[in-house]
Amino acid sequence: MPPFIRRCPECGHVTFSRRFTASRADDGRRLLECPSCHHLIEPIDDPWLN
């Protein structure tokens, strides 16, 4: 399986998806943090969907 990559919409930084730090917002949404500019991104491919 090829490595998944992500691109930050704010700064354009491209790297492996596992380098983006995952966290939860107060309302339960999953957010990813860009390792370059620390912009918070809500991913479309959320594996934690119920």
Protein backbone atom coordinates (compact mmCIF):
# COMPACT_ATOMS: atom_id res chain seq x y z
CA MET A 1 0.00 0.00 0.00
CA PRO A 2 1.52 3.34 -0.98
CA PRO A 3 2.09 5.98 1.72
CA PHE A 4 -0.66 8.55 1.99
CA ILE A 5 0.37 12.17 1.64
CA ARG A 6 -1.41 15.33 2.76
CA ARG A 7 -1.12 18.94 1.67
CA CYS A 8 -1.81 21.87 3.98
CA PRO A 9 -4.31 24.27 2.34
CA GLU A 10 -2.81 27.21 4.24
CA CYS A 11 0.93 26.98 3.48
CA GLY A 12 1.05 24.24 0.81
CA HIS A 13 3.36 21.97 2.83
CA VAL A 14 3.23 18.37 1.48
CA THR A 15 4.33 15.39 3.57
CA PHE A 16 3.27 11.93 4.71
CA SER A 17 -0.12 11.91 6.43
CA ARG A 18 1.32 10.41 9.62
CA ARG A 19 3.38 13.58 10.17
CA PHE A 20 0.19 15.62 10.69
CA THR A 21 -0.69 15.48 14.38
CA ALA A 22 -4.25 14.28 15.04
CA SER A 23 -6.35 15.72 17.86
CA ARG A 24 -9.99 16.28 18.84
CA ALA A 25 -11.75 19.63 19.02
CA ASP A 26 -14.02 20.49 21.96
CA ASP A 27 -17.09 19.59 19.89
CA GLY A 28 -15.70 16.14 18.98
CA ARG A 29 -14.45 16.89 15.47
CA ARG A 30 -11.14 15.32 14.40
CA LEU A 31 -8.49 17.90 13.46
CA LEU A 32 -5.03 17.58 11.96
CA GLU A 33 -2.22 20.04 12.64
CA CYS A 34 0.23 20.97 9.89
CA PRO A 35 3.81 20.28 11.04
CA SER A 36 5.07 23.36 9.18
CA CYS A 37 2.64 26.21 9.97
CA HIS A 38 0.50 24.58 12.74
CA HIS A 39 -2.71 25.31 10.82
CA LEU A 40 -5.62 23.09 11.96
CA ILE A 41 -7.33 21.10 9.20
CA GLU A 42 -10.53 19.06 9.35
CA PRO A 43 -9.89 16.02 7.12
CA ILE A 44 -12.49 14.75 4.67
CA ASP A 45 -11.46 11.10 5.08
CA ASP A 46 -12.32 10.79 8.77
CA PRO A 47 -11.86 7.12 9.80
CA TRP A 48 -13.58 7.78 13.15
CA LEU A 49 -17.02 8.27 11.57
CA ASN A 50 -19.81 6.38 13.33
